[in-house]
N, C-alpha and C. Protein backbone atom coordinates (compact mmCIF):
# COMPACT_ATOMS: atom_id res chain seq x y z
N MET A 1 102.02 112.42 91.38
CA MET A 1 103.40 112.90 91.44
C MET A 1 103.68 113.68 90.12
N LYS A 2 104.35 114.83 90.37
CA LYS A 2 104.78 115.41 89.33
C LYS A 2 105.96 114.90 88.63
N GLU A 3 106.01 115.25 87.32
CA GLU A 3 107.05 114.59 86.46
C GLU A 3 108.51 114.80 87.18
N GLN A 4 108.72 116.12 87.64
CA GLN A 4 110.05 116.45 88.21
C GLN A 4 110.29 115.76 89.34
N ASP A 5 109.18 115.14 90.17
CA ASP A 5 109.41 114.49 91.43
C ASP A 5 109.61 113.04 91.26
N ARG A 6 109.37 112.48 89.99
CA ARG A 6 109.54 110.95 89.81
C ARG A 6 111.12 110.77 89.68
N PRO A 7 111.52 109.52 90.29
CA PRO A 7 112.84 109.18 90.03
C PRO A 7 113.15 108.85 88.65
N ARG A 8 114.27 109.11 88.29
CA ARG A 8 114.64 108.91 86.74
C ARG A 8 115.92 107.87 86.77
N ALA A 9 115.73 107.02 85.75
CA ALA A 9 116.70 105.98 85.46
C ALA A 9 118.02 106.72 84.85
N THR A 10 119.04 106.12 85.51
CA THR A 10 120.40 106.82 85.07
C THR A 10 121.25 105.71 84.63
N SER A 11 122.32 106.12 84.11
CA SER A 11 123.38 105.07 83.58
C SER A 11 124.64 105.25 84.54
N LYS A 12 124.61 105.75 85.70
CA LYS A 12 125.69 105.65 86.58
C LYS A 12 126.13 104.17 86.89
N PRO A 13 127.29 103.89 86.95
CA PRO A 13 127.80 102.53 87.26
C PRO A 13 127.27 101.97 88.60
N GLY A 14 126.82 100.72 88.42
CA GLY A 14 126.11 100.22 89.67
C GLY A 14 124.74 100.44 89.77
N GLN A 15 124.20 101.35 89.36
CA GLN A 15 122.77 101.58 89.56
C GLN A 15 121.95 100.69 88.83
N THR A 16 122.35 100.23 87.58
CA THR A 16 121.56 99.25 86.83
C THR A 16 121.52 97.88 87.70
N ALA A 17 122.61 97.56 88.17
CA ALA A 17 122.69 96.39 88.97
C ALA A 17 121.67 96.50 90.11
N ALA A 18 121.90 97.60 90.91
CA ALA A 18 120.98 97.92 91.97
C ALA A 18 119.48 97.76 91.71
N LEU A 19 119.10 98.28 90.53
CA LEU A 19 117.82 98.43 90.19
C LEU A 19 117.22 96.96 89.86
N ALA A 20 118.07 96.32 89.27
CA ALA A 20 117.87 94.80 88.90
C ALA A 20 117.63 93.90 90.18
N GLU A 21 118.53 94.28 91.35
CA GLU A 21 118.37 93.42 92.48
C GLU A 21 117.00 93.91 93.28
N ARG A 22 116.80 95.07 93.23
CA ARG A 22 115.45 95.59 93.83
C ARG A 22 114.31 94.77 93.24
N ALA A 23 114.28 94.83 91.83
CA ALA A 23 113.20 94.25 91.04
C ALA A 23 113.17 92.77 91.45
N GLU A 24 114.38 92.10 91.45
CA GLU A 24 114.23 90.72 91.88
C GLU A 24 113.65 90.45 93.23
N GLU A 25 114.13 91.26 94.17
CA GLU A 25 113.67 91.16 95.62
C GLU A 25 111.97 91.43 95.62
N ARG A 26 111.49 92.24 94.76
CA ARG A 26 110.14 92.48 94.74
C ARG A 26 109.47 91.21 94.21
N ARG A 27 110.03 90.68 93.20
CA ARG A 27 109.41 89.49 92.61
C ARG A 27 109.42 88.42 93.46
N ARG A 28 110.35 88.22 94.46
CA ARG A 28 110.44 87.09 95.37
C ARG A 28 109.35 87.53 96.50
N ARG A 29 109.01 88.61 96.79
CA ARG A 29 107.98 88.88 97.82
C ARG A 29 106.59 88.90 97.37
N MET A 30 106.31 88.88 96.04
CA MET A 30 105.15 89.07 95.51
C MET A 30 104.23 87.69 95.69
N THR A 31 103.06 87.86 96.16
CA THR A 31 102.01 86.73 96.23
C THR A 31 100.92 86.83 95.24
N ALA A 32 100.67 85.72 94.58
CA ALA A 32 99.62 85.85 93.44
C ALA A 32 98.71 84.66 93.72
N HIS A 33 97.50 84.99 93.16
CA HIS A 33 96.52 83.76 93.20
C HIS A 33 95.63 83.86 92.09
N VAL A 34 95.33 82.77 91.18
CA VAL A 34 94.32 82.78 90.16
C VAL A 34 93.03 82.19 90.70
N ALA A 35 91.97 83.03 90.74
CA ALA A 35 90.73 82.56 91.31
C ALA A 35 89.88 82.14 90.11
N ALA A 36 88.96 81.07 90.45
CA ALA A 36 87.92 80.61 89.59
C ALA A 36 86.73 81.59 89.46
N ASN A 37 86.49 82.37 90.43
CA ASN A 37 85.47 83.21 90.37
C ASN A 37 85.56 84.35 91.49
N TRP A 38 84.72 85.29 91.45
CA TRP A 38 84.80 86.56 92.30
C TRP A 38 84.86 86.16 93.76
N ARG A 39 83.92 85.13 94.14
CA ARG A 39 83.78 84.87 95.60
C ARG A 39 85.23 84.18 96.08
N GLU A 40 85.80 83.30 95.27
CA GLU A 40 87.08 82.76 95.80
C GLU A 40 88.17 83.74 95.75
N ALA A 41 88.10 84.82 94.82
CA ALA A 41 89.05 85.96 94.92
C ALA A 41 88.93 86.83 96.12
N GLU A 42 87.69 87.02 96.59
CA GLU A 42 87.29 87.79 97.69
C GLU A 42 87.81 86.92 99.04
N ASP A 43 87.49 85.74 99.04
CA ASP A 43 88.06 85.01 100.14
C ASP A 43 89.46 84.86 100.26
N TRP A 44 90.17 84.80 99.25
CA TRP A 44 91.63 84.60 99.16
C TRP A 44 92.31 85.91 99.62
N ASP A 45 91.62 86.98 99.22
CA ASP A 45 92.03 88.35 99.47
C ASP A 45 91.95 88.66 100.98
N LEU A 46 90.82 88.30 101.56
CA LEU A 46 90.54 88.47 102.87
C LEU A 46 91.55 87.56 103.86
N ASP A 47 91.79 86.46 103.42
CA ASP A 47 92.64 85.44 104.08
C ASP A 47 94.09 86.03 104.06
N PHE A 48 94.46 86.63 102.81
CA PHE A 48 95.90 87.01 102.64
C PHE A 48 95.89 88.25 103.54
N TRP A 49 95.08 89.37 103.59
CA TRP A 49 95.21 90.47 104.44
C TRP A 49 95.16 90.18 105.84
N GLN A 50 94.33 89.12 106.25
CA GLN A 50 94.23 88.76 107.80
C GLN A 50 95.52 88.03 108.07
N ARG A 51 96.38 87.58 107.24
CA ARG A 51 97.64 86.93 107.61
C ARG A 51 98.75 88.02 107.75
N GLN A 52 98.43 89.05 107.30
CA GLN A 52 99.51 90.23 107.39
C GLN A 52 99.44 90.87 108.59
N GLY A 53 100.48 91.44 109.13
CA GLY A 53 100.52 92.23 110.34
C GLY A 53 99.98 93.53 110.29
N ALA A 54 99.63 94.23 111.30
CA ALA A 54 99.20 95.58 111.22
C ALA A 54 100.06 96.58 110.67
N GLU A 55 101.30 96.41 110.72
CA GLU A 55 102.34 97.31 110.12
C GLU A 55 102.13 97.11 108.52
N ALA A 56 102.02 95.88 107.99
CA ALA A 56 101.94 95.70 106.45
C ALA A 56 100.64 96.19 106.04
N ARG A 57 99.61 96.06 106.81
CA ARG A 57 98.16 96.51 106.31
C ARG A 57 98.42 98.07 106.22
N LEU A 58 98.76 98.63 107.37
CA LEU A 58 98.89 100.09 107.39
C LEU A 58 99.88 100.62 106.25
N SER A 59 100.82 100.05 106.03
CA SER A 59 101.75 100.38 104.92
C SER A 59 101.00 100.37 103.51
N ALA A 60 100.31 99.27 103.36
CA ALA A 60 99.52 99.16 102.09
C ALA A 60 98.52 100.26 101.90
N LEU A 61 97.79 100.58 103.07
CA LEU A 61 96.77 101.67 103.09
C LEU A 61 97.48 102.86 102.63
N VAL A 62 98.63 103.40 103.29
CA VAL A 62 99.39 104.59 103.07
C VAL A 62 99.68 104.50 101.63
N ALA A 63 100.23 103.45 101.02
CA ALA A 63 100.61 103.43 99.69
C ALA A 63 99.47 103.70 98.65
N LEU A 64 98.45 103.14 99.05
CA LEU A 64 97.22 103.38 98.07
C LEU A 64 96.80 104.72 98.27
N ARG A 65 96.82 105.29 99.32
CA ARG A 65 96.35 106.82 99.34
C ARG A 65 97.40 107.66 98.84
N ASN A 66 98.68 107.32 98.78
CA ASN A 66 99.71 108.09 98.11
C ASN A 66 99.52 108.03 96.59
N ASP A 67 99.11 106.84 96.17
CA ASP A 67 98.99 106.56 94.66
C ASP A 67 97.71 107.36 94.28
N LEU A 68 96.64 107.32 95.03
CA LEU A 68 95.41 108.09 94.75
C LEU A 68 95.70 109.63 94.71
N ALA A 69 96.40 110.09 95.61
CA ALA A 69 96.72 111.41 95.60
C ALA A 69 97.54 111.80 94.37
N ALA A 70 98.42 111.05 94.05
CA ALA A 70 99.37 111.27 92.80
C ALA A 70 98.57 111.30 91.56
N ILE A 71 97.73 110.38 91.46
CA ILE A 71 96.82 110.33 90.24
C ILE A 71 95.90 111.54 90.14
N ARG A 72 95.33 111.83 91.35
CA ARG A 72 94.41 112.92 91.38
C ARG A 72 94.93 114.42 91.34
N GLY A 73 96.31 114.33 91.61
CA GLY A 73 97.04 115.70 91.92
C GLY A 73 97.33 116.02 93.22
N THR A 74 98.36 116.66 93.47
CA THR A 74 98.82 116.84 94.89
C THR A 74 97.77 117.61 95.80
N GLY A 75 97.07 118.45 95.32
CA GLY A 75 96.01 119.25 96.01
C GLY A 75 94.86 118.52 96.15
N ALA A 76 94.50 117.50 95.47
CA ALA A 76 93.13 116.90 95.44
C ALA A 76 92.66 116.23 96.63
N ALA A 77 91.50 116.40 97.12
CA ALA A 77 90.98 115.77 98.24
C ALA A 77 90.53 114.38 97.90
N LEU A 78 90.75 113.49 98.71
CA LEU A 78 90.39 112.07 98.62
C LEU A 78 88.93 111.86 99.15
N ASP A 79 88.11 110.99 98.70
CA ASP A 79 86.70 110.77 99.23
C ASP A 79 86.77 110.41 100.65
N GLY A 80 85.98 111.05 101.34
CA GLY A 80 86.09 110.79 102.82
C GLY A 80 86.82 111.79 103.63
N ASP A 81 87.73 112.67 103.01
CA ASP A 81 88.42 113.73 103.47
C ASP A 81 87.57 114.92 103.64
N ASP A 82 87.53 115.53 105.04
CA ASP A 82 86.85 116.68 105.25
C ASP A 82 87.83 117.99 105.27
């Protein structure tokens, strides 16, 4: 994402409260796990994603692709793209 495309923090009344509310909502939705080893982490990850619906999995995939495109630059091809 280019600098000019990034959302910017503003000091308009009410926006600070709205940002705080959205941040709190994200914290409530977050799921975390501390694994003792890689195998346990992989098992937990697989179980987590299998519990998610198809829409959530697709949304996560699209978000990852968008993040990769932003990191590599808007015109960069991703691995596997022809």
